[in-house]
Amino acid sequence: MYVNGHTIYIAGSKNPFTTKQGVRDWYGDSTKTPFWGNVEDSDRYQHVMISINTNPDITQAVGHSLAGPGSLQLQKNMPSRIKSTERL
């Protein structure tokens, strides 16, 4: 994740063959995306919430690849705070 001004940029999945985070990303993507589970339970979403709570100026979320459902879920859960989302 990267915060710049009012925007949080949420990265997509990492390569599962190179890092432990990659393995967790792929597990979360395959079991916690909206079609198969609750995106709020994913490791990535939990980290995003920590950043959101420590950066009160964030009003936009941009998600890349399978981080897109997380950014959309943020806007759904926090409509008065997250004014716009974008999926790359």
C-alpha atoms as a PDB file:
ATOM      1  CA  MET A   1       0.000   0.000   0.000  1.00  0.00           C
ATOM      2  CA  TYR A   2       0.993   3.557  -0.648  1.00  0.00           C
ATOM      3  CA  VAL A   3      -0.702   6.712   0.593  1.00  0.00           C
ATOM      4  CA  ASN A   4      -0.354   9.951  -1.348  1.00  0.00           C
ATOM      5  CA  GLY A   5      -2.442  12.864  -0.157  1.00  0.00           C
ATOM      6  CA  HIS A   6      -6.089  11.793  -0.073  1.00  0.00           C
ATOM      7  CA  THR A   7      -5.538   8.533  -1.974  1.00  0.00           C
ATOM      8  CA  ILE A   8      -4.552   5.061  -0.862  1.00  0.00           C
ATOM      9  CA  TYR A   9      -3.136   2.814  -3.577  1.00  0.00           C
ATOM     10  CA  ILE A  10      -3.626  -0.878  -2.875  1.00  0.00           C
ATOM     11  CA  ALA A  11      -1.377  -3.328  -4.713  1.00  0.00           C
ATOM     12  CA  GLY A  12      -2.579  -6.535  -6.285  1.00  0.00           C
ATOM     13  CA  SER A  13      -1.308  -9.997  -5.454  1.00  0.00           C
ATOM     14  CA  LYS A  14       2.369 -10.733  -5.046  1.00  0.00           C
ATOM     15  CA  ASN A  15       4.004 -13.763  -6.646  1.00  0.00           C
ATOM     16  CA  PRO A  16       3.289 -16.759  -4.362  1.00  0.00           C
ATOM     17  CA  PHE A  17       6.579 -18.414  -5.334  1.00  0.00           C
ATOM     18  CA  THR A  18       8.835 -15.610  -4.082  1.00  0.00           C
ATOM     19  CA  THR A  19       7.457 -14.377  -0.749  1.00  0.00           C
ATOM     20  CA  LYS A  20       5.365 -15.484   2.222  1.00  0.00           C
ATOM     21  CA  GLN A  21       3.180 -12.420   1.624  1.00  0.00           C
ATOM     22  CA  GLY A  22       2.583 -13.719  -1.885  1.00  0.00           C
ATOM     23  CA  VAL A  23       1.274 -17.012  -0.524  1.00  0.00           C
ATOM     24  CA  ARG A  24      -1.077 -15.145   1.842  1.00  0.00           C
ATOM     25  CA  ASP A  25      -2.190 -12.873  -1.018  1.00  0.00           C
ATOM     26  CA  TRP A  26      -3.100 -15.782  -3.266  1.00  0.00           C
ATOM     27  CA  TYR A  27      -4.855 -17.593  -0.430  1.00  0.00           C
ATOM     28  CA  GLY A  28      -6.843 -14.450   0.356  1.00  0.00           C
ATOM     29  CA  ASP A  29      -7.621 -13.854  -3.301  1.00  0.00           C
ATOM     30  CA  SER A  30      -8.925 -17.362  -3.809  1.00  0.00           C
ATOM     31  CA  THR A  31     -10.916 -17.709  -0.585  1.00  0.00           C
ATOM     32  CA  LYS A  32     -11.952 -14.213   0.412  1.00  0.00           C
ATOM     33  CA  THR A  33     -12.949 -12.390  -2.760  1.00  0.00           C
ATOM     34  CA  PRO A  34     -16.662 -11.518  -3.022  1.00  0.00           C
ATOM     35  CA  PHE A  35     -17.540 -14.652  -4.990  1.00  0.00           C
ATOM     36  CA  TRP A  36     -16.070 -17.115  -2.488  1.00  0.00           C
ATOM     37  CA  GLY A  37     -16.003 -15.407   0.881  1.00  0.00           C
ATOM     38  CA  ASN A  38     -15.777 -12.115   2.715  1.00  0.00           C
ATOM     39  CA  VAL A  39     -13.122  -9.720   1.423  1.00  0.00           C
ATOM     40  CA  GLU A  40     -13.076  -8.045   4.848  1.00  0.00           C
ATOM     41  CA  ASP A  41     -11.445 -11.192   6.257  1.00  0.00           C
ATOM     42  CA  SER A  42      -8.501 -10.984   3.870  1.00  0.00           C
ATOM     43  CA  ASP A  43      -5.037 -10.105   5.087  1.00  0.00           C
ATOM     44  CA  ARG A  44      -4.792  -7.241   2.586  1.00  0.00           C
ATOM     45  CA  TYR A  45      -8.082  -5.640   3.704  1.00  0.00           C
ATOM     46  CA  GLN A  46      -6.981  -5.752   7.352  1.00  0.00           C
ATOM     47  CA  HIS A  47      -3.749  -3.919   6.460  1.00  0.00           C
ATOM     48  CA  VAL A  48      -5.691  -1.349   4.440  1.00  0.00           C
ATOM     49  CA  MET A  49      -7.951  -0.676   7.423  1.00  0.00           C
ATOM     50  CA  ILE A  50      -4.902   0.047   9.595  1.00  0.00           C
ATOM     51  CA  SER A  51      -3.715   2.598   7.027  1.00  0.00           C
ATOM     52  CA  ILE A  52      -7.197   4.121   6.694  1.00  0.00           C
ATOM     53  CA  ASN A  53      -7.520   4.484  10.458  1.00  0.00           C
ATOM     54  CA  THR A  54      -4.098   6.119  10.832  1.00  0.00           C
ATOM     55  CA  ASN A  55      -4.564   8.490   7.853  1.00  0.00           C
ATOM     56  CA  PRO A  56      -7.805  10.447   8.365  1.00  0.00           C
ATOM     57  CA  ASP A  57      -7.328  12.436   5.127  1.00  0.00           C
ATOM     58  CA  ILE A  58      -7.846   9.419   2.837  1.00  0.00           C
ATOM     59  CA  THR A  59     -10.988   9.852   0.719  1.00  0.00           C
ATOM     60  CA  GLN A  60     -10.113   7.777  -2.364  1.00  0.00           C
ATOM     61  CA  ALA A  61      -9.041   4.146  -2.780  1.00  0.00           C
ATOM     62  CA  VAL A  62      -7.353   2.742  -5.887  1.00  0.00           C
ATOM     63  CA  GLY A  63      -7.008  -1.030  -6.114  1.00  0.00           C
ATOM     64  CA  HIS A  64      -4.900  -2.931  -8.633  1.00  0.00           C
ATOM     65  CA  SER A  65      -6.011  -6.320  -9.885  1.00  0.00           C
ATOM     66  CA  LEU A  66      -7.584  -8.360  -7.099  1.00  0.00           C
ATOM     67  CA  ALA A  67      -7.152  -5.465  -4.669  1.00  0.00           C
ATOM     68  CA  GLY A  68     -10.054  -3.889  -6.578  1.00  0.00           C
ATOM     69  CA  PRO A  69     -12.736  -5.724  -4.570  1.00  0.00           C
ATOM     70  CA  GLY A  70     -11.099  -4.434  -1.384  1.00  0.00           C
ATOM     71  CA  SER A  71     -11.273  -0.827  -2.541  1.00  0.00           C
ATOM     72  CA  LEU A  72     -14.920  -1.265  -3.508  1.00  0.00           C
ATOM     73  CA  GLN A  73     -15.655  -2.838  -0.123  1.00  0.00           C
ATOM     74  CA  LEU A  74     -14.050   0.170   1.589  1.00  0.00           C
ATOM     75  CA  GLN A  75     -16.402   2.522  -0.214  1.00  0.00           C
ATOM     76  CA  LYS A  76     -19.379   0.304   0.615  1.00  0.00           C
ATOM     77  CA  ASN A  77     -18.443   0.204   4.315  1.00  0.00           C
ATOM     78  CA  MET A  78     -17.383   3.843   4.607  1.00  0.00           C
ATOM     79  CA  PRO A  79     -19.493   5.842   2.108  1.00  0.00           C
ATOM     80  CA  SER A  80     -19.180   9.108   4.017  1.00  0.00           C
ATOM     81  CA  ARG A  81     -15.385   8.816   4.077  1.00  0.00           C
ATOM     82  CA  ILE A  82     -14.311   7.032   0.858  1.00  0.00           C
ATOM     83  CA  LYS A  83     -15.834   9.229  -1.835  1.00  0.00           C
ATOM     84  CA  SER A  84     -14.405   7.429  -4.865  1.00  0.00           C
ATOM     85  CA  THR A  85     -12.745   4.199  -5.872  1.00  0.00           C
ATOM     86  CA  GLU A  86     -10.904   3.062  -8.921  1.00  0.00           C
ATOM     87  CA  ARG A  87      -9.812  -0.360 -10.074  1.00  0.00           C
ATOM     88  CA  LEU A  88      -6.732  -0.665 -12.263  1.00  0.00           C
END
